[in-house]
Protein backbone atom coordinates (compact mmCIF):
# COMPACT_ATOMS: atom_id res chain seq x y z
CA MET A 1 121.93 181.18 -40.23
CA ILE A 2 119.08 183.67 -40.24
CA PRO A 3 117.42 183.75 -43.69
CA GLU A 4 116.79 186.87 -45.73
CA PHE A 5 113.25 188.30 -45.69
CA PRO A 6 110.65 187.24 -46.78
CA ASN A 7 111.94 183.80 -45.76
CA PHE A 8 111.65 182.85 -42.08
CA LYS A 9 112.89 180.03 -39.88
CA LYS A 10 111.57 178.74 -36.59
CA ILE A 11 113.62 179.81 -33.60
CA CYS A 12 115.98 177.05 -32.47
CA LEU A 13 118.34 176.80 -29.52
CA THR A 14 121.24 177.05 -31.96
CA ASP A 15 120.08 180.53 -33.03
CA ARG A 16 121.15 182.20 -29.81
CA LYS A 17 124.52 183.47 -31.06
CA ASP A 18 123.04 184.89 -34.26
CA ILE A 19 120.18 186.60 -32.42
CA GLU A 20 122.48 188.07 -29.80
CA SER A 21 124.72 189.52 -32.53
CA TYR A 22 121.78 191.93 -33.04
CA THR A 23 120.48 192.33 -29.49
CA ASP A 24 123.90 193.02 -27.93
CA LYS A 25 123.93 196.38 -29.74
CA PHE A 26 120.87 197.61 -27.80
CA PRO A 27 119.67 197.92 -24.22
CA PRO A 28 118.19 194.61 -23.00
CA TYR A 29 114.66 194.88 -24.38
CA SER A 30 112.81 191.88 -22.98
CA ASP A 31 110.95 190.91 -26.16
CA PHE A 32 114.14 190.29 -28.13
CA ASN A 33 115.94 188.52 -25.30
CA PHE A 34 116.76 185.02 -26.51
CA ILE A 35 115.30 183.27 -23.45
CA ASN A 36 112.00 185.08 -23.97
CA LEU A 37 111.97 184.41 -27.71
CA TRP A 38 112.55 180.73 -27.04
CA SER A 39 110.21 180.15 -24.10
CA TRP A 40 107.19 182.30 -25.06
CA ASN A 41 106.76 180.28 -28.21
CA PRO A 42 103.56 178.18 -28.14
CA LYS A 43 103.00 175.64 -30.90
CA VAL A 44 100.15 177.50 -32.58
CA GLN A 45 99.97 178.64 -36.16
CA GLU A 46 103.57 179.28 -37.26
CA GLY A 47 104.88 180.26 -33.84
CA ARG A 48 107.84 182.58 -33.38
CA MET A 49 110.22 182.83 -36.32
CA ILE A 50 113.12 185.01 -37.41
CA SER A 51 114.37 186.64 -40.59
CA LYS A 52 116.56 189.60 -41.52
CA LEU A 53 115.77 192.65 -43.63
CA ASN A 54 118.07 195.60 -44.33
CA ASN A 55 120.45 193.98 -41.85
CA ASN A 56 117.79 194.28 -39.13
CA LEU A 57 116.52 191.32 -37.13
CA VAL A 58 112.88 190.57 -38.03
CA VAL A 59 110.72 188.55 -35.63
CA HIS A 60 107.37 186.90 -36.26
CA PHE A 61 105.97 187.14 -32.72
CA THR A 62 103.07 185.50 -30.93
CA ASP A 63 101.28 187.73 -28.44
CA TYR A 64 102.04 186.98 -24.76
CA ARG A 65 98.35 186.91 -23.84
CA THR A 66 96.39 186.05 -27.00
CA LYS A 67 99.05 184.13 -28.98
CA GLU A 68 97.98 186.11 -32.06
CA PRO A 69 100.79 186.62 -34.63
CA SER A 70 102.42 189.96 -35.37
CA LEU A 71 105.67 191.28 -36.81
CA SER A 72 108.48 193.39 -35.41
CA PHE A 73 112.11 194.23 -36.07
CA LEU A 74 115.21 195.28 -34.19
CA GLY A 75 117.76 197.53 -35.83
CA THR A 76 118.46 201.02 -37.11
CA ASN A 77 119.09 200.38 -40.81
CA ASN A 78 116.60 201.79 -43.35
CA CYS A 79 113.88 201.64 -40.70
CA THR A 80 111.16 203.32 -42.76
CA ASP A 81 111.68 200.91 -45.65
CA THR A 82 111.80 197.97 -43.24
CA ALA A 83 108.55 199.00 -41.55
CA LYS A 84 106.70 199.51 -44.85
CA LYS A 85 107.81 196.16 -46.25
CA LEU A 86 106.81 194.32 -43.08
CA ILE A 87 103.38 195.95 -43.05
CA GLU A 88 102.86 195.02 -46.70
CA PHE A 89 103.90 191.45 -45.91
CA ALA A 90 101.55 191.30 -42.92
CA LYS A 91 98.66 192.52 -45.03
CA ALA A 92 99.33 189.84 -47.67
CA LYS A 93 99.52 187.16 -44.98
CA GLY A 94 96.35 188.29 -43.21
CA VAL A 95 98.01 189.00 -39.86
CA SER A 96 98.05 192.20 -37.83
CA GLU A 97 99.24 195.14 -39.92
CA THR A 98 100.46 196.91 -36.77
CA LEU A 99 104.11 196.27 -36.02
CA CYS A 100 104.67 195.61 -32.32
CA TYR A 101 107.55 195.94 -29.82
CA ILE A 102 109.42 198.46 -31.97
CA VAL A 103 112.27 199.70 -29.76
CA GLN A 104 112.89 203.39 -29.30
CA GLU A 105 116.12 203.39 -31.31
CA SER A 106 114.25 201.99 -34.32
CA ALA A 107 111.12 204.11 -33.87
CA GLU A 108 113.15 207.33 -33.92
CA LYS A 109 114.39 206.47 -37.42
CA ILE A 110 110.96 205.96 -38.98
CA HIS A 111 110.05 209.09 -40.93
CA ASN A 112 107.20 208.84 -43.40
CA ASN A 113 103.83 210.59 -43.60
CA THR A 114 102.12 207.31 -44.47
CA LEU A 115 103.19 205.67 -41.21
CA THR A 116 102.12 206.39 -37.65
CA VAL A 117 104.33 205.66 -34.65
CA GLU A 118 102.82 205.59 -31.15
CA GLU A 119 104.04 204.65 -27.71
CA ASP A 120 102.99 201.21 -26.52
CA ILE A 121 102.88 201.84 -22.78
CA ASP A 122 101.58 198.34 -22.01
CA ASN A 123 104.87 196.92 -23.27
CA PHE A 124 107.38 199.32 -21.72
CA ASP A 125 110.03 197.37 -19.78
CA TYR A 126 110.33 198.45 -16.14
CA ILE A 127 113.91 199.19 -15.07
CA PHE A 128 114.84 199.21 -11.37
CA SER A 129 117.91 200.25 -9.41
CA VAL A 130 119.32 197.13 -7.76
CA LYS A 131 120.88 199.28 -5.04
CA GLN A 132 117.55 200.90 -4.19
CA LEU A 133 115.76 197.55 -3.95
CA ALA A 134 118.53 196.07 -1.84
CA ASN A 135 118.53 198.97 0.63
CA THR A 136 114.79 199.82 0.61
CA SER A 137 115.63 203.02 2.47
CA GLY A 138 113.59 206.21 2.61
CA ALA A 139 109.90 207.03 2.69
CA ASN A 140 109.21 205.59 -0.78
CA PHE A 141 110.02 202.08 0.43
CA LYS A 142 108.52 202.28 3.90
CA SER A 143 105.72 199.77 3.23
CA LYS A 144 108.09 197.37 1.43
CA ARG A 145 110.53 197.57 4.31
CA HIS A 146 107.74 196.94 6.83
CA LEU A 147 106.41 193.87 5.00
CA SER A 148 109.87 192.39 4.49
CA ASN A 149 110.73 192.87 8.17
CA ARG A 150 107.40 191.39 9.21
CA PHE A 151 108.04 188.35 7.02
CA CYS A 152 111.45 187.86 8.67
CA ARG A 153 109.83 187.98 12.11
CA ASP A 154 107.01 185.59 11.19
CA TYR A 155 109.15 183.12 9.24
CA PRO A 156 112.68 183.46 10.65
CA ASP A 157 113.86 180.13 9.25
CA THR A 158 113.23 181.10 5.60
CA HIS A 159 116.40 180.84 3.56
CA LEU A 160 117.61 181.26 0.01
CA LYS A 161 119.18 178.47 -2.02
CA PHE A 162 120.71 178.69 -5.48
CA LEU A 163 119.54 175.60 -7.30
CA ASN A 164 120.49 173.50 -10.29
CA PHE A 165 118.05 174.59 -12.97
CA SER A 166 118.41 171.26 -14.78
CA ASP A 167 117.35 169.10 -11.81
CA SER A 168 114.01 167.32 -12.39
CA GLU A 169 113.09 167.31 -8.70
CA THR A 170 113.59 171.05 -8.59
CA HIS A 171 111.25 171.38 -11.58
CA LYS A 172 108.51 169.66 -9.55
CA LYS A 173 109.02 172.14 -6.71
CA ILE A 174 108.74 175.06 -9.13
CA ILE A 175 105.43 173.78 -10.51
CA SER A 176 104.22 173.19 -6.95
CA VAL A 177 104.83 176.87 -6.13
CA LEU A 178 102.96 177.81 -9.30
CA ARG A 179 99.95 175.75 -8.17
CA LYS A 180 99.99 177.32 -4.70
CA TRP A 181 100.08 180.80 -6.24
CA GLU A 182 97.14 179.87 -8.47
CA ASN A 183 95.14 178.32 -5.61
CA LYS A 184 95.58 181.44 -3.51
CA LYS A 185 94.21 183.57 -6.37
CA ILE A 186 91.20 181.28 -6.64
CA GLN A 187 90.70 181.29 -2.87
CA ASP A 188 90.75 185.10 -2.79
CA ASN A 189 88.43 185.29 -5.82
CA LYS A 190 91.00 187.36 -7.72
CA SER A 191 91.39 187.36 -11.49
CA TYR A 192 94.65 185.98 -12.81
CA GLU A 193 96.34 184.85 -16.02
CA LEU A 194 98.65 181.86 -15.84
CA ASP A 195 98.07 179.58 -18.85
CA HIS A 196 100.49 181.24 -21.27
CA GLU A 197 103.07 181.92 -18.57
CA GLU A 198 103.01 178.29 -17.47
CA ILE A 199 103.44 177.09 -21.07
CA ALA A 200 106.48 179.37 -21.39
CA LEU A 201 107.95 178.15 -18.11
CA GLN A 202 107.37 174.48 -18.97
CA ARG A 203 109.06 175.00 -22.34
CA LEU A 204 112.05 176.50 -20.58
CA LEU A 205 112.20 173.68 -18.02
CA LYS A 206 112.29 171.06 -20.77
CA THR A 207 115.46 172.63 -22.20
CA ALA A 208 116.94 173.78 -18.88
CA HIS A 209 120.39 172.30 -19.57
CA ASN A 210 120.76 174.67 -22.53
CA HIS A 211 120.30 177.87 -20.52
CA ASN A 212 122.63 179.71 -18.17
CA LEU A 213 120.12 181.08 -15.68
CA ILE A 214 120.15 181.80 -11.96
CA LEU A 215 117.45 179.84 -10.16
CA SER A 216 116.84 181.11 -6.63
CA GLY A 217 114.63 179.02 -4.37
CA PHE A 218 113.16 180.36 -1.13
CA PHE A 219 112.53 177.67 1.50
CA PHE A 220 110.60 177.57 4.76
CA GLU A 221 110.99 174.36 6.79
CA ASP A 222 112.50 172.66 3.71
CA GLU A 223 109.50 173.53 1.52
CA MET A 224 109.96 175.79 -1.49
CA ILE A 225 107.60 178.74 -1.09
CA GLY A 226 108.98 180.96 -3.85
CA PHE A 227 111.40 181.07 -6.76
CA SER A 228 113.07 183.62 -8.99
CA LEU A 229 114.54 182.90 -12.40
CA ASP A 230 116.99 185.57 -13.55
CA GLU A 231 119.63 186.10 -16.20
CA LEU A 232 122.80 188.16 -15.95
CA LEU A 233 123.28 190.35 -19.02
CA PRO A 234 126.05 192.62 -20.34
CA ASN A 235 126.45 196.22 -19.17
CA ASN A 236 125.60 195.50 -15.50
CA TYR A 237 122.01 194.46 -16.26
CA ALA A 238 119.91 191.52 -15.15
CA ILE A 239 116.49 190.47 -16.35
CA SER A 240 113.79 188.74 -14.32
CA HIS A 241 112.16 185.98 -16.38
CA PHE A 242 109.90 184.27 -13.83
CA PHE A 243 109.07 185.17 -10.23
CA LYS A 244 106.38 183.40 -8.21
CA ALA A 245 105.61 182.68 -4.57
CA ASP A 246 103.04 181.18 -2.24
CA THR A 247 101.29 184.38 -1.14
CA ASN A 248 99.82 182.68 1.93
CA PHE A 249 103.12 183.88 3.39
CA LYS A 250 102.45 187.60 3.82
CA GLY A 251 105.39 189.75 2.80
CA ILE A 252 107.12 187.02 0.82
CA TYR A 253 107.46 189.08 -2.37
CA GLU A 254 109.00 192.00 -0.50
CA PHE A 255 111.41 189.60 1.20
CA MET A 256 112.33 187.86 -2.06
CA ASN A 257 112.89 191.09 -3.96
CA LYS A 258 115.20 192.43 -1.27
CA MET A 259 117.17 189.19 -1.05
CA MET A 260 117.54 188.93 -4.82
CA ALA A 261 118.56 192.57 -5.09
CA GLU A 262 121.24 192.04 -2.44
CA TYR A 263 122.55 189.05 -4.37
CA LEU A 264 122.55 190.88 -7.71
CA LEU A 265 124.32 193.81 -6.09
CA SER A 266 127.05 191.41 -4.96
CA ARG A 267 127.40 190.39 -8.63
CA LYS A 268 127.88 194.06 -9.58
CA VAL A 269 124.49 194.28 -11.29
CA GLU A 270 123.16 197.85 -11.30
CA LEU A 271 119.88 197.67 -13.23
CA TRP A 272 117.16 195.01 -13.14
CA ASN A 273 114.65 194.61 -15.97
CA TRP A 274 111.25 193.35 -14.74
CA GLU A 275 109.78 193.31 -18.25
CA GLN A 276 106.36 194.78 -19.16
CA ASP A 277 102.99 194.78 -17.41
CA LEU A 278 100.91 193.80 -20.51
CA ASN A 279 98.17 196.16 -19.32
CA ILE A 280 97.40 193.88 -16.38
CA ASP A 281 96.23 196.35 -13.76
CA GLY A 282 97.48 194.49 -10.68
CA LEU A 283 100.86 193.89 -12.26
CA ARG A 284 101.17 197.55 -13.25
CA ARG A 285 100.36 198.76 -9.75
CA LEU A 286 102.80 196.28 -8.22
CA LYS A 287 105.69 197.26 -10.46
CA MET A 288 105.05 200.98 -10.06
CA SER A 289 105.03 200.56 -6.28
CA TYR A 290 108.72 199.58 -6.45
CA ARG A 291 109.64 202.96 -7.98
CA PRO A 292 111.22 202.17 -11.36
CA VAL A 293 114.14 204.42 -12.27
CA GLY A 294 113.27 204.25 -15.95
CA PHE A 295 111.66 202.35 -18.81
CA LEU A 296 112.77 200.78 -22.04
CA LYS A 297 110.16 202.26 -24.34
CA LYS A 298 108.53 200.39 -27.20
CA TYR A 299 106.24 201.53 -29.98
CA LYS A 300 103.57 200.38 -32.40
CA VAL A 301 103.90 201.25 -36.08
CA SER A 302 101.05 201.13 -38.57
CA THR A 303 99.78 202.72 -41.75
CA VAL A 304 98.09 206.08 -41.33
CA VAL A 305 94.30 205.75 -41.36
CA LYS A 306 92.32 208.05 -43.65
CA GLN A 307 88.71 209.09 -43.18
CA GLY A 308 87.66 211.01 -46.25
CA GLU A 309 90.35 213.65 -46.66
CA VAL A 310 91.31 213.68 -42.97
CA ILE A 311 94.50 211.90 -41.93
CA ILE A 312 94.45 210.58 -38.38
CA GLN A 313 97.99 210.27 -37.04
CA THR A 314 99.11 209.66 -33.47
CA ASP A 315 102.01 211.77 -32.30
CA THR A 316 105.10 209.96 -31.05
């Protein structure tokens, strides 16, 4: 059971049904997805925890990049009161007084001249048309089509396997791909962030038997050179949790995206959530290059700042 605010409990595998009783009422925002709540949960400070307030789901988050704590909620009940109480709680606890990952449906119901609501573009979820990515037709996808076709010519024996996510030998292959991706970044003298993502992936691997995920492995000459970890969701959605490849194979991402899109299309999936870009420039450019058909918008909510008699408020 989820406790009433201000009491919290650590997120456990047994909380999935209770959490999804809230999330199933909304589009599939990545931050409140149970797999993400569970896996992106490092053992620092108090970690990720849940509560409920005004019949809204409250989450004590840890930042994806910094692991710093912050608060958020999901729901449309008494949103202004919920936001104010969470900000007061955050102030008393000495954590960030800015609420994060507030979904659009909640943000639209916050009306108070002491609160400011602003778009958090860095955390918008990218939504893609599965049909578009499967077909890659037209001028917008010319370069993707070219790279995917080139990959097929250069590595004609590459094939896709759907793997048992609980298999320990498969786990070793996944980590091997992660290391190859990292080594290529180092070799090319490119900046990268992997530590927190690897912690999240390792946490998921340790509890793999508890999760119903699609693990797609891409193999060349019996060696895994890429993998995709996806989840089928209600309302013809899928979400991409982890996606990595050995980029020594030029065009591999374009090939993998097309193959995965074709598979998802066969499962009657229409929209694919690739989560946010976290203000990582390379990730933003990559995701935009695939022509998203929309975004799941999220917002930051904080107390209005006053300078003398002037109120500074950001428009929504």
